[in-house]
């Protein structure tokens, strides 16, 4: 990923930032790969993938619904 993440969130800071227990972001903050926590860059990449994947899926679903109206 190019550049620095706009903001980083450490799992210990999550409650102060409003990231509640059981949310996807909180689960990802606490995720580990081979026993080591994922880096801020990896977390930003995963969240970007989810965000932009969701936008694409939603826009295609809405276009399909409009087509069939």
C-alpha atoms as a PDB file:
ATOM      1  CA  UNK A   1       0.000   0.000   0.000  1.00  0.00           C
ATOM      2  CA  UNK A   2       1.404   3.386  -0.898  1.00  0.00           C
ATOM      3  CA  UNK A   3       1.853   6.091   1.696  1.00  0.00           C
ATOM      4  CA  UNK A   4       0.971   5.993   5.337  1.00  0.00           C
ATOM      5  CA  UNK A   5      -2.464   5.068   6.673  1.00  0.00           C
ATOM      6  CA  UNK A   6      -4.524   8.158   7.473  1.00  0.00           C
ATOM      7  CA  UNK A   7      -4.937   6.960  11.052  1.00  0.00           C
ATOM      8  CA  UNK A   8      -3.864   3.973  13.035  1.00  0.00           C
ATOM      9  CA  UNK A   9      -5.816   2.313  15.793  1.00  0.00           C
ATOM     10  CA  UNK A  10      -4.156   0.095  18.355  1.00  0.00           C
ATOM     11  CA  UNK A  11      -6.468  -2.519  19.923  1.00  0.00           C
ATOM     12  CA  UNK A  12      -5.950  -0.922  23.346  1.00  0.00           C
ATOM     13  CA  UNK A  13      -7.224   2.423  21.944  1.00  0.00           C
ATOM     14  CA  UNK A  14     -10.298   0.914  20.295  1.00  0.00           C
ATOM     15  CA  UNK A  15     -12.847   1.662  23.079  1.00  0.00           C
ATOM     16  CA  UNK A  16     -11.799   5.335  23.242  1.00  0.00           C
ATOM     17  CA  UNK A  17     -12.287   5.593  19.478  1.00  0.00           C
ATOM     18  CA  UNK A  18     -15.754   4.070  19.609  1.00  0.00           C
ATOM     19  CA  UNK A  19     -14.804   0.665  18.210  1.00  0.00           C
ATOM     20  CA  UNK A  20     -17.068  -1.604  20.241  1.00  0.00           C
ATOM     21  CA  UNK A  21     -16.614  -5.285  21.026  1.00  0.00           C
ATOM     22  CA  UNK A  22     -17.918  -7.686  18.390  1.00  0.00           C
ATOM     23  CA  UNK A  23     -17.707  -5.320  15.419  1.00  0.00           C
ATOM     24  CA  UNK A  24     -15.803  -6.299  12.299  1.00  0.00           C
ATOM     25  CA  UNK A  25     -13.201  -3.577  12.814  1.00  0.00           C
ATOM     26  CA  UNK A  26     -12.594  -4.689  16.407  1.00  0.00           C
ATOM     27  CA  UNK A  27     -12.203  -8.313  15.295  1.00  0.00           C
ATOM     28  CA  UNK A  28      -9.721  -7.235  12.634  1.00  0.00           C
ATOM     29  CA  UNK A  29      -7.811  -5.113  15.159  1.00  0.00           C
ATOM     30  CA  UNK A  30      -7.387  -8.190  17.342  1.00  0.00           C
ATOM     31  CA  UNK A  31      -6.614 -10.578  14.449  1.00  0.00           C
ATOM     32  CA  UNK A  32      -3.365 -12.513  14.367  1.00  0.00           C
ATOM     33  CA  UNK A  33      -1.524 -14.283  11.579  1.00  0.00           C
ATOM     34  CA  UNK A  34       0.833 -17.034  12.741  1.00  0.00           C
ATOM     35  CA  UNK A  35       0.574 -15.689  16.289  1.00  0.00           C
ATOM     36  CA  UNK A  36       1.561 -12.119  15.401  1.00  0.00           C
ATOM     37  CA  UNK A  37      -0.896  -9.196  15.130  1.00  0.00           C
ATOM     38  CA  UNK A  38      -1.485  -7.821  11.663  1.00  0.00           C
ATOM     39  CA  UNK A  39       0.273  -4.552  10.878  1.00  0.00           C
ATOM     40  CA  UNK A  40      -1.465  -1.203  10.441  1.00  0.00           C
ATOM     41  CA  UNK A  41      -0.707  -1.340   6.721  1.00  0.00           C
ATOM     42  CA  UNK A  42      -2.303  -4.789   6.407  1.00  0.00           C
ATOM     43  CA  UNK A  43      -5.317  -3.661   8.414  1.00  0.00           C
ATOM     44  CA  UNK A  44      -5.759  -0.581   6.209  1.00  0.00           C
ATOM     45  CA  UNK A  45      -5.485  -2.761   3.090  1.00  0.00           C
ATOM     46  CA  UNK A  46      -8.087  -5.264   4.359  1.00  0.00           C
ATOM     47  CA  UNK A  47     -10.511  -2.510   5.368  1.00  0.00           C
ATOM     48  CA  UNK A  48     -10.059  -0.744   2.009  1.00  0.00           C
ATOM     49  CA  UNK A  49     -10.778  -4.000   0.204  1.00  0.00           C
ATOM     50  CA  UNK A  50     -13.950  -4.514   2.231  1.00  0.00           C
ATOM     51  CA  UNK A  51     -15.094  -0.919   1.752  1.00  0.00           C
ATOM     52  CA  UNK A  52     -14.533  -0.725  -1.981  1.00  0.00           C
ATOM     53  CA  UNK A  53     -15.767  -4.283  -2.550  1.00  0.00           C
ATOM     54  CA  UNK A  54     -18.968  -3.378  -0.729  1.00  0.00           C
ATOM     55  CA  UNK A  55     -19.440  -0.217  -2.762  1.00  0.00           C
ATOM     56  CA  UNK A  56     -19.033  -2.161  -6.009  1.00  0.00           C
ATOM     57  CA  UNK A  57     -21.430  -4.889  -4.920  1.00  0.00           C
ATOM     58  CA  UNK A  58     -24.051  -2.376  -3.775  1.00  0.00           C
ATOM     59  CA  UNK A  59     -23.888  -0.328  -6.964  1.00  0.00           C
ATOM     60  CA  UNK A  60     -24.256  -3.428  -9.161  1.00  0.00           C
ATOM     61  CA  UNK A  61     -27.188  -4.706  -7.059  1.00  0.00           C
ATOM     62  CA  UNK A  62     -28.946  -1.320  -7.290  1.00  0.00           C
ATOM     63  CA  UNK A  63     -28.367  -1.157 -11.044  1.00  0.00           C
ATOM     64  CA  UNK A  64     -29.808  -4.656 -11.438  1.00  0.00           C
ATOM     65  CA  UNK A  65     -32.878  -3.724  -9.395  1.00  0.00           C
ATOM     66  CA  UNK A  66     -33.416  -0.559 -11.443  1.00  0.00           C
ATOM     67  CA  UNK A  67     -33.103  -2.557 -14.653  1.00  0.00           C
ATOM     68  CA  UNK A  68     -35.837  -4.931 -13.586  1.00  0.00           C
ATOM     69  CA  UNK A  69     -38.322  -2.257 -12.474  1.00  0.00           C
END
